[in-house]
Amino acid sequence: LDFKVEIIKEPKIFSRSNRKMSFLKKTLVRKPSMRPRNLTEVLLNTQHLEFFREFLKERKAESPLQFLIAVQKISMETSEKICKSLIENVIKTFFQGQLSPEEMLQCDAPIIKEISPTRHVTTTTLLILQGYIMKSIEEKWFKDYQDLFPPRPEEVEVQSEVQVSSRKPSKIVSTYLQESQKKGWLRMISFIRSFCKYRRFMLNPNKRQEFEDYLRQEMQNSKENFTTSHNTSGRSAPPSTNVRSADQENGDTTLVKRRVFGHRIITVNFVINDLYFFSEMEKFNNLVSSAHMLQVNRAYNENDVILMRSKMNIIQKLFLNSDIPPKLRVNVSESQKDAILVAITEGYLDRSVFHGAIMSVFPVIMYFWKRFCFWKATRSYLQYRGKKFKDRKSPPKSTEKYPFSSGGDNAILRFTLLRGIEWLQPQREAISSVQNSSSSNLTQPRLVVSAIQLHPVQGQKLSYTKKEK
């Protein structure tokens, strides 16, 4: 008898549970104990991050996670040179490789096609792309990764409660939600009221001068400040008013630093500049809004463009690229300054030009505004109770002292940031000697500030020529 035997190989079907077990056996990374709630929790936890990286590596999908980590390093970097080199490495790795950027990042967002041909890629653009890639990773892989862990006991309780009473929440939960929502709204309302009060306060020149005087007093706060010289090393030293005034006369300013919000370091000398910088950026945005309205009504012409460009150039020369060192005279980063300068050179005329600078300067102004309101309320209360209020002395204004001996018989054209352009004219003045000698009626040349003074700071009086007889 002849028998025909056929051997048929059936394909092996791996279930989802078997795949999970094989992954857990292969990996050498310790599995975290808690089940992650969302992808952000995975990225912030180092143990979860390593385990999630191995999870994606087995599925050949680790490049999007590497991009997220690289962009996070760029956003945390403070050095401008290192930040630029990191951005170049990201562009070479993910946008100029053998595979297309869409395949590398496993994302079809339209912003990827916009980044590929551009030469200068900013940190803001990479952060926007980071958000798209996080969404794609969460949609594709996070659910499978979350299934590797048993559900939390809280989730089990919540599921049971939802099954029991899915229509109405309990009274405790509803009252807690109402109270938390009420607290959030109260904080939002108080913040809006504080900002509106700041806007009204700054419209009054005398009150604005009071706020500026307080900011000058904050330079003497030795408990929170540390000083760094502009030409010396970054060794901190206690602030001295005499040294600072001499440095300001010579153009070598001692920069007073302070750490705010726990991590950010600002220059206290530039906070007054931040006020005017913020005001000028708001005025530019108002010009942009009016230009849009004129364009809609077909009344837009070249003069509006010239006005906006001149406004941008003035802001650039006064605050971002000053002729007097340091060139950057406001509390924004070098990368933000470079982004603004690039936008100006490329001819952008919209609100996005100064958006990053506004978001950087606004928290600093509100920080000092809150301290000023508390300081003013404390001072008025102590004065009402008849107690003495210890106030820090504001630094002496070096611009009130003029170097008369350096001019001789020649006129001097002088420029200061506080007073603007001033014309110093030599005039003859009779000086009577204390001793009654024959040489008591001799005249000596003296430099006197004339009435020519362009763009003075509001709240200060113009200096006029005085002749003493």
Protein backbone atom coordinates (compact mmCIF):
# COMPACT_ATOMS: atom_id res chain seq x y z
CA LEU A 1 0.00 0.00 0.00
CA ASP A 2 1.33 3.36 -0.98
CA PHE A 3 0.48 6.33 1.21
CA LYS A 4 1.10 9.91 0.31
CA VAL A 5 2.09 12.02 3.24
CA GLU A 6 1.93 15.81 2.96
CA ILE A 7 3.55 17.96 5.59
CA ILE A 8 1.95 21.37 5.81
CA LYS A 9 3.65 24.05 7.90
CA GLU A 10 1.15 26.36 9.49
CA PRO A 11 2.31 29.88 10.30
CA LYS A 12 2.82 30.55 13.95
CA ILE A 13 0.34 33.04 15.35
CA PHE A 14 1.75 35.05 18.22
CA SER A 15 -0.84 36.46 20.51
CA ARG A 16 -0.52 39.89 22.04
CA SER A 17 0.16 38.43 25.46
CA ASN A 18 2.97 36.20 24.12
CA ARG A 19 4.56 39.23 22.46
CA LYS A 20 4.45 41.09 25.75
CA MET A 21 6.08 38.18 27.57
CA SER A 22 8.83 37.89 24.95
CA PHE A 23 9.57 41.59 25.24
CA LEU A 24 9.74 41.36 29.03
CA LYS A 25 12.14 38.40 28.80
CA LYS A 26 14.46 40.04 26.26
CA THR A 27 14.86 43.43 27.88
CA LEU A 28 17.40 43.96 30.62
CA VAL A 29 15.87 47.21 31.83
CA ARG A 30 13.94 46.97 35.06
CA LYS A 31 10.21 47.29 34.61
CA PRO A 32 8.57 50.18 36.51
CA SER A 33 6.04 49.23 39.13
CA MET A 34 3.34 51.85 38.48
CA ARG A 35 1.15 52.13 35.39
CA PRO A 36 1.65 55.51 33.60
CA ARG A 37 -1.40 57.75 33.21
CA ASN A 38 -0.16 59.65 30.14
CA LEU A 39 2.87 60.07 27.90
CA THR A 40 4.13 63.11 29.82
CA GLU A 41 4.46 60.99 32.94
CA VAL A 42 6.56 58.52 30.95
CA LEU A 43 8.91 61.22 29.66
CA LEU A 44 9.41 62.79 33.09
CA ASN A 45 10.16 59.48 34.85
CA THR A 46 13.66 58.17 34.03
CA GLN A 47 12.75 54.54 34.76
CA HIS A 48 9.67 54.70 32.56
CA LEU A 49 11.65 56.52 29.86
CA GLU A 50 14.31 53.79 29.63
CA PHE A 51 11.67 51.05 29.57
CA PHE A 52 9.62 52.89 26.94
CA ARG A 53 12.77 53.35 24.84
CA GLU A 54 13.39 49.59 24.86
CA PHE A 55 9.72 49.05 24.04
CA LEU A 56 9.99 51.26 20.95
CA LYS A 57 13.41 49.85 20.03
CA GLU A 58 11.96 46.37 19.68
CA ARG A 59 9.32 47.76 17.33
CA LYS A 60 11.91 49.86 15.41
CA ALA A 61 10.21 53.11 16.34
CA GLU A 62 12.69 54.76 18.71
CA SER A 63 13.66 57.68 16.42
CA PRO A 64 10.61 59.85 17.33
CA LEU A 65 11.45 59.43 21.02
CA GLN A 66 15.07 60.39 20.32
CA PHE A 67 13.81 63.54 18.62
CA LEU A 68 11.68 64.45 21.65
CA ILE A 69 14.66 64.02 23.99
CA ALA A 70 16.95 66.06 21.71
CA VAL A 71 14.47 68.96 21.50
CA GLN A 72 14.02 68.87 25.27
CA LYS A 73 17.80 69.23 25.71
CA ILE A 74 17.80 72.21 23.32
CA SER A 75 15.02 73.95 25.26
CA MET A 76 16.89 73.47 28.57
CA GLU A 77 20.28 74.63 27.25
CA THR A 78 21.40 78.13 28.32
CA SER A 79 24.57 78.46 26.21
CA GLU A 80 23.88 79.90 22.75
CA LYS A 81 26.80 78.12 21.04
CA ILE A 82 25.83 74.71 22.41
CA CYS A 83 22.18 75.37 21.50
CA LYS A 84 23.08 76.15 17.87
CA SER A 85 25.24 73.01 17.59
CA LEU A 86 22.44 70.86 19.04
CA ILE A 87 19.95 72.29 16.52
CA GLU A 88 22.38 71.52 13.67
CA ASN A 89 22.76 67.93 14.90
CA VAL A 90 18.97 67.51 15.03
CA ILE A 91 18.60 68.82 11.46
CA LYS A 92 21.36 66.53 10.15
CA THR A 93 20.04 63.46 11.97
CA PHE A 94 16.30 63.69 11.31
CA PHE A 95 15.93 65.93 8.22
CA GLN A 96 19.03 65.26 6.09
CA GLY A 97 19.43 61.50 6.44
CA GLN A 98 18.85 58.66 3.97
CA LEU A 99 15.23 58.25 5.02
CA SER A 100 12.67 60.99 4.62
CA PRO A 101 11.83 63.08 7.70
CA GLU A 102 8.26 61.70 7.71
CA GLU A 103 9.61 58.13 7.94
CA MET A 104 12.19 59.02 10.56
CA LEU A 105 9.73 60.84 12.79
CA GLN A 106 6.73 58.63 11.87
CA CYS A 107 4.57 61.72 11.56
CA ASP A 108 2.82 63.39 8.62
CA ALA A 109 2.47 66.89 10.06
CA PRO A 110 2.73 69.63 7.35
CA ILE A 111 5.30 71.54 9.42
CA ILE A 112 7.89 68.84 8.61
CA LYS A 113 7.86 69.82 4.93
CA GLU A 114 8.28 73.47 5.92
CA ILE A 115 11.33 72.75 8.12
CA SER A 116 13.24 70.62 5.58
CA PRO A 117 14.19 73.36 3.04
CA THR A 118 14.79 76.18 5.55
CA ARG A 119 18.33 77.12 6.58
CA HIS A 120 17.68 78.73 9.96
CA VAL A 121 15.45 76.62 12.23
CA THR A 122 14.46 78.21 15.53
CA THR A 123 13.82 76.51 18.86
CA THR A 124 10.17 77.57 18.72
CA THR A 125 9.64 75.67 15.45
CA LEU A 126 11.18 72.52 16.90
CA LEU A 127 8.98 72.81 19.99
CA ILE A 128 5.88 73.06 17.78
CA LEU A 129 6.98 69.93 15.91
CA GLN A 130 7.63 68.23 19.26
CA GLY A 131 3.95 68.63 20.12
CA TYR A 132 2.86 66.94 16.86
CA ILE A 133 5.26 64.03 17.38
CA MET A 134 4.11 63.53 20.97
CA LYS A 135 0.53 63.22 19.71
CA SER A 136 1.52 60.66 17.05
CA ILE A 137 3.51 58.57 19.57
CA GLU A 138 0.61 58.68 22.02
CA GLU A 139 -1.85 57.54 19.35
CA LYS A 140 0.34 54.73 17.97
CA TRP A 141 2.28 53.25 20.90
CA PHE A 142 1.20 54.55 24.29
CA LYS A 143 -1.90 52.34 24.58
CA ASP A 144 0.15 49.19 23.91
CA TYR A 145 2.81 50.32 26.38
CA GLN A 146 0.19 51.08 29.02
CA ASP A 147 -1.26 47.56 28.65
CA LEU A 148 2.05 46.11 29.87
CA PHE A 149 1.16 47.26 33.38
CA PRO A 150 -1.74 46.25 35.62
CA PRO A 151 -4.33 48.96 36.22
CA ARG A 152 -3.92 51.17 39.26
CA PRO A 153 -6.19 50.54 42.25
CA GLU A 154 -7.54 54.07 41.85
CA GLU A 155 -8.57 53.32 38.27
CA VAL A 156 -10.29 50.12 39.38
CA GLU A 157 -12.22 52.04 42.03
CA VAL A 158 -13.14 54.75 39.54
CA GLN A 159 -14.33 52.19 37.02
CA SER A 160 -16.45 50.46 39.65
CA GLU A 161 -17.92 53.79 40.77
CA VAL A 162 -18.69 54.72 37.17
CA GLN A 163 -20.42 51.41 36.60
CA VAL A 164 -22.48 51.81 39.78
CA SER A 165 -23.42 55.45 39.33
CA SER A 166 -22.53 56.70 35.86
CA ARG A 167 -25.08 59.51 35.84
CA LYS A 168 -24.33 61.72 38.85
CA PRO A 169 -21.00 62.16 40.69
CA SER A 170 -20.87 62.00 44.47
CA LYS A 171 -21.40 65.12 46.56
CA ILE A 172 -17.80 65.12 47.82
CA VAL A 173 -16.37 65.02 44.29
CA SER A 174 -18.73 67.71 43.02
CA THR A 175 -17.99 70.07 45.94
CA TYR A 176 -14.24 69.54 45.51
CA LEU A 177 -14.45 70.31 41.80
CA GLN A 178 -16.52 73.42 42.45
CA GLU A 179 -14.09 74.71 45.10
CA SER A 180 -11.01 74.10 42.94
CA GLN A 181 -12.69 75.77 39.97
CA LYS A 182 -13.68 78.72 42.15
CA LYS A 183 -10.11 79.12 43.44
CA GLY A 184 -8.77 79.05 39.89
CA TRP A 185 -11.21 81.72 38.74
CA LEU A 186 -10.40 83.92 41.76
CA ARG A 187 -6.67 83.72 40.97
CA MET A 188 -7.32 84.55 37.34
CA ILE A 189 -9.52 87.53 38.29
CA SER A 190 -6.93 88.87 40.77
CA PHE A 191 -4.19 88.58 38.13
CA ILE A 192 -6.28 90.46 35.55
CA ARG A 193 -7.10 93.17 38.09
CA SER A 194 -3.43 93.53 39.00
CA PHE A 195 -2.44 93.92 35.35
CA CYS A 196 -5.20 96.49 34.73
CA LYS A 197 -3.98 98.40 37.78
CA TYR A 198 -0.45 98.30 36.35
CA ARG A 199 -1.69 99.72 33.02
CA ARG A 200 -3.49 102.60 34.76
CA PHE A 201 -0.49 103.23 37.02
CA MET A 202 1.92 103.50 34.09
CA LEU A 203 -0.26 106.07 32.32
CA ASN A 204 0.50 108.59 35.09
CA PRO A 205 4.08 109.96 34.72
CA ASN A 206 4.47 110.72 38.44
CA LYS A 207 3.32 107.27 39.50
CA ARG A 208 5.50 105.66 36.86
CA GLN A 209 8.46 107.60 38.23
CA GLU A 210 7.64 106.20 41.69
CA PHE A 211 7.76 102.65 40.31
CA GLU A 212 11.07 103.38 38.59
CA ASP A 213 12.52 104.74 41.84
CA TYR A 214 11.51 101.51 43.55
CA LEU A 215 13.26 99.50 40.83
CA ARG A 216 16.43 101.54 41.44
CA GLN A 217 16.12 100.71 45.14
CA GLU A 218 15.94 97.02 44.24
CA MET A 219 19.48 97.30 42.91
CA GLN A 220 20.58 97.79 46.55
CA ASN A 221 18.93 94.55 47.72
CA SER A 222 22.09 92.72 48.77
CA LYS A 223 20.13 89.74 50.15
CA GLU A 224 18.77 88.64 46.78
CA ASN A 225 21.19 90.25 44.30
CA PHE A 226 24.66 89.28 43.18
CA THR A 227 26.85 91.48 41.00
CA THR A 228 29.00 90.69 37.99
CA SER A 229 31.34 93.14 36.31
CA HIS A 230 31.11 93.56 32.56
CA ASN A 231 34.84 93.27 31.86
CA THR A 232 35.91 91.03 34.70
CA SER A 233 35.20 87.44 35.56
CA GLY A 234 31.85 86.34 36.94
CA ARG A 235 32.90 86.52 40.59
CA SER A 236 30.10 87.87 42.75
CA ALA A 237 30.74 90.90 44.92
CA PRO A 238 28.62 93.08 47.21
CA PRO A 239 27.12 96.07 45.39
CA SER A 240 28.73 99.46 46.04
CA THR A 241 27.06 102.73 45.08
CA ASN A 242 30.32 104.65 44.63
CA VAL A 243 31.83 102.06 42.33
CA ARG A 244 28.59 101.77 40.37
CA SER A 245 28.27 105.50 39.84
CA ALA A 246 31.86 105.75 38.68
CA ASP A 247 31.36 102.82 36.33
CA GLN A 248 28.24 104.38 34.85
CA GLU A 249 30.15 107.60 34.15
CA ASN A 250 32.88 105.66 32.38
CA GLY A 251 30.42 103.44 30.49
CA ASP A 252 31.51 100.30 32.39
CA THR A 253 28.37 99.25 34.27
CA THR A 254 28.35 96.76 37.12
CA LEU A 255 25.53 94.36 36.28
CA VAL A 256 23.35 93.37 39.24
CA LYS A 257 21.82 89.91 38.80
CA ARG A 258 18.99 88.12 40.59
CA ARG A 259 17.46 84.66 40.45
CA VAL A 260 13.67 84.78 40.01
CA PHE A 261 11.03 82.06 39.65
CA GLY A 262 13.53 79.56 41.05
CA HIS A 263 15.57 79.09 37.86
CA ARG A 264 15.76 82.25 35.76
CA ILE A 265 18.57 84.80 36.22
CA ILE A 266 17.79 88.38 35.24
CA THR A 267 19.70 91.67 35.26
CA VAL A 268 18.14 94.14 37.71
CA ASN A 269 19.79 97.08 35.89
CA PHE A 270 17.65 96.34 32.83
CA VAL A 271 14.24 96.13 34.52
CA ILE A 272 13.49 99.83 33.87
CA ASN A 273 14.47 99.23 30.24
CA ASP A 274 12.04 96.29 30.26
CA LEU A 275 9.19 98.67 31.12
CA TYR A 276 9.89 100.90 28.12
CA PHE A 277 10.70 97.91 25.90
CA PHE A 278 7.32 96.34 26.74
CA SER A 279 5.58 99.66 26.10
CA GLU A 280 7.27 100.12 22.72
CA MET A 281 6.41 96.57 21.65
CA GLU A 282 2.77 97.21 22.53
CA LYS A 283 2.85 100.40 20.45
CA PHE A 284 4.30 98.45 17.52
CA ASN A 285 1.53 95.84 17.84
CA ASN A 286 -1.03 98.66 17.82
CA LEU A 287 0.54 99.95 14.60
CA VAL A 288 0.21 96.47 13.10
CA SER A 289 -3.47 96.30 14.09
CA SER A 290 -4.19 99.71 12.60
CA ALA A 291 -2.33 98.72 9.42
CA HIS A 292 -4.57 95.64 9.08
CA MET A 293 -7.65 97.81 9.48
CA LEU A 294 -6.36 100.22 6.84
CA GLN A 295 -5.63 97.32 4.52
CA VAL A 296 -9.19 96.01 4.92
CA ASN A 297 -10.57 99.47 4.14
CA ARG A 298 -8.14 99.84 1.19
CA ALA A 299 -6.44 102.87 2.72
CA TYR A 300 -3.05 101.19 3.25
CA ASN A 301 -0.03 102.90 1.67
CA GLU A 302 3.77 102.93 1.81
CA ASN A 303 3.90 105.48 4.63
CA ASP A 304 2.39 102.93 7.02
CA VAL A 305 5.12 100.44 6.10
CA ILE A 306 7.82 103.09 6.59
CA LEU A 307 6.36 103.99 9.99
CA MET A 308 6.37 100.38 11.20
CA ARG A 309 9.89 99.75 9.91
CA SER A 310 11.21 102.89 11.60
CA LYS A 311 9.54 101.81 14.84
CA MET A 312 11.22 98.41 14.63
CA ASN A 313 14.61 99.99 13.91
CA ILE A 314 14.29 102.31 16.92
CA ILE A 315 13.44 99.37 19.20
CA GLN A 316 16.37 97.45 17.78
CA LYS A 317 18.90 100.25 18.28
CA LEU A 318 17.75 101.20 21.77
CA PHE A 319 17.25 97.79 23.37
CA LEU A 320 18.59 94.91 21.24
CA ASN A 321 21.64 96.22 19.41
CA SER A 322 22.71 99.32 21.32
CA ASP A 323 25.81 101.31 20.46
CA ILE A 324 26.63 101.49 24.18
CA PRO A 325 27.85 98.23 25.76
CA PRO A 326 26.24 95.90 26.58
CA LYS A 327 24.40 95.72 23.27
CA LEU A 328 21.49 93.75 24.70
CA ARG A 329 19.87 96.03 27.30
CA VAL A 330 16.72 94.07 28.22
CA ASN A 331 16.02 90.75 29.94
CA VAL A 332 15.63 88.53 26.89
CA SER A 333 17.88 85.70 25.76
CA GLU A 334 20.38 85.92 22.93
CA SER A 335 18.38 83.43 20.86
CA GLN A 336 15.26 85.60 21.13
CA LYS A 337 17.29 88.65 20.17
CA ASP A 338 18.70 86.84 17.12
CA ALA A 339 15.22 85.69 16.11
CA ILE A 340 13.93 89.29 16.26
CA LEU A 341 16.89 90.59 14.24
CA VAL A 342 16.39 87.87 11.61
CA ALA A 343 12.67 88.71 11.40
CA ILE A 344 13.51 92.41 10.96
CA THR A 345 16.04 91.72 8.19
CA GLU A 346 13.61 89.38 6.40
CA GLY A 347 10.95 92.10 6.44
CA TYR A 348 8.29 90.64 8.73
CA LEU A 349 5.71 93.18 9.92
CA ASP A 350 3.34 91.33 12.23
CA ARG A 351 2.77 90.57 15.90
CA SER A 352 4.93 87.44 15.82
CA VAL A 353 8.14 89.52 15.59
CA PHE A 354 8.12 90.50 19.28
CA HIS A 355 5.90 87.72 20.65
CA GLY A 356 8.76 85.78 22.26
CA ALA A 357 10.25 88.93 23.78
CA ILE A 358 6.88 89.93 25.25
CA MET A 359 6.45 86.49 26.82
CA SER A 360 9.96 86.78 28.29
CA VAL A 361 9.75 90.35 29.64
CA PHE A 362 6.15 90.30 30.92
CA PRO A 363 6.74 87.85 33.85
CA VAL A 364 9.73 89.93 35.03
CA ILE A 365 7.65 93.12 35.08
CA MET A 366 4.80 91.40 36.93
CA TYR A 367 7.28 89.96 39.46
CA PHE A 368 8.56 93.42 40.41
CA TRP A 369 5.07 94.95 40.17
CA LYS A 370 3.76 92.49 42.77
CA ARG A 371 6.70 93.27 45.07
CA PHE A 372 6.14 97.00 44.56
CA CYS A 373 2.45 96.76 45.52
CA PHE A 374 3.33 94.82 48.68
CA TRP A 375 6.12 97.30 49.54
CA LYS A 376 3.84 100.29 49.02
CA ALA A 377 1.03 98.81 51.14
CA THR A 378 3.48 97.99 53.96
CA ARG A 379 4.97 101.47 53.89
CA SER A 380 1.56 103.20 53.99
CA TYR A 381 0.41 100.98 56.87
CA LEU A 382 3.52 101.67 58.95
CA GLN A 383 3.27 105.39 58.26
CA TYR A 384 -0.38 105.30 59.34
CA ARG A 385 0.62 103.59 62.59
CA GLY A 386 3.35 106.17 63.17
CA LYS A 387 6.23 103.71 62.83
CA LYS A 388 9.44 104.23 60.90
CA PHE A 389 9.80 102.43 57.62
CA LYS A 390 13.34 101.35 56.74
CA ASP A 391 13.81 102.13 53.09
CA ARG A 392 16.80 101.28 50.94
CA LYS A 393 18.53 104.28 49.45
CA SER A 394 18.30 104.47 45.69
CA PRO A 395 21.63 104.61 43.82
CA PRO A 396 22.83 108.10 42.93
CA LYS A 397 22.03 109.21 39.40
CA SER A 398 25.35 109.64 37.70
CA THR A 399 23.87 111.70 34.88
CA GLU A 400 23.29 114.66 37.20
CA LYS A 401 27.03 115.15 37.59
CA TYR A 402 28.81 116.59 34.59
CA PRO A 403 32.57 116.42 34.00
CA PHE A 404 33.12 120.17 33.57
CA SER A 405 36.91 120.03 33.61
CA SER A 406 37.26 117.96 30.42
CA GLY A 407 35.64 120.41 27.99
CA GLY A 408 37.78 123.52 28.19
CA ASP A 409 36.63 126.25 25.80
CA ASN A 410 35.02 123.78 23.36
CA ALA A 411 31.36 122.80 23.24
CA ILE A 412 30.49 119.15 23.89
CA LEU A 413 27.65 117.08 22.43
CA ARG A 414 26.72 114.48 25.04
CA PHE A 415 24.32 111.50 24.87
CA THR A 416 22.93 109.49 27.78
CA LEU A 417 20.17 106.90 27.82
CA LEU A 418 18.38 108.72 30.62
CA ARG A 419 18.41 112.30 29.25
CA GLY A 420 19.03 111.81 25.54
CA ILE A 421 21.19 114.28 23.56
CA GLU A 422 22.55 117.29 25.50
CA TRP A 423 24.60 120.25 24.27
CA LEU A 424 27.25 121.49 26.76
CA GLN A 425 28.25 125.09 25.99
CA PRO A 426 31.24 126.87 27.61
CA GLN A 427 30.26 130.17 29.26
CA ARG A 428 32.19 132.83 31.19
CA GLU A 429 31.32 133.15 34.83
CA ALA A 430 32.67 135.64 37.35
CA ILE A 431 33.97 133.88 40.44
CA SER A 432 34.59 135.99 43.51
CA SER A 433 37.40 134.78 45.69
CA VAL A 434 37.02 134.36 49.40
CA GLN A 435 40.16 136.43 49.92
CA ASN A 436 39.93 140.10 48.88
CA SER A 437 42.81 140.03 46.42
CA SER A 438 43.35 141.84 43.15
CA SER A 439 42.77 138.64 41.15
CA SER A 440 39.27 138.10 42.52
CA ASN A 441 37.50 139.26 39.32
CA LEU A 442 39.14 136.74 36.98
CA THR A 443 36.77 134.70 34.81
CA GLN A 444 36.99 130.98 34.27
CA PRO A 445 35.31 128.88 31.55
CA ARG A 446 32.51 126.61 32.67
CA LEU A 447 30.41 124.05 30.74
CA VAL A 448 26.69 124.60 31.13
CA VAL A 449 23.93 122.34 29.81
CA SER A 450 21.93 124.15 27.18
CA ALA A 451 18.23 123.79 26.52
CA ILE A 452 18.77 121.43 23.58
CA GLN A 453 17.69 118.03 24.86
CA LEU A 454 16.03 115.43 22.64
CA HIS A 455 13.56 112.81 23.89
CA PRO A 456 13.81 113.30 27.66
CA VAL A 457 12.41 110.71 30.01
CA GLN A 458 8.92 111.62 31.18
CA GLY A 459 8.73 112.82 34.73
CA GLN A 460 12.01 114.74 34.55
CA LYS A 461 12.39 118.45 33.92
CA LEU A 462 14.39 119.89 31.07
CA SER A 463 17.62 121.58 32.08
CA TYR A 464 17.95 125.19 30.92
CA THR A 465 20.95 127.48 30.62
CA LYS A 466 21.72 129.40 33.77
CA LYS A 467 24.06 132.40 33.88
CA GLU A 468 25.44 133.40 37.22
CA LYS A 469 26.57 136.97 37.57
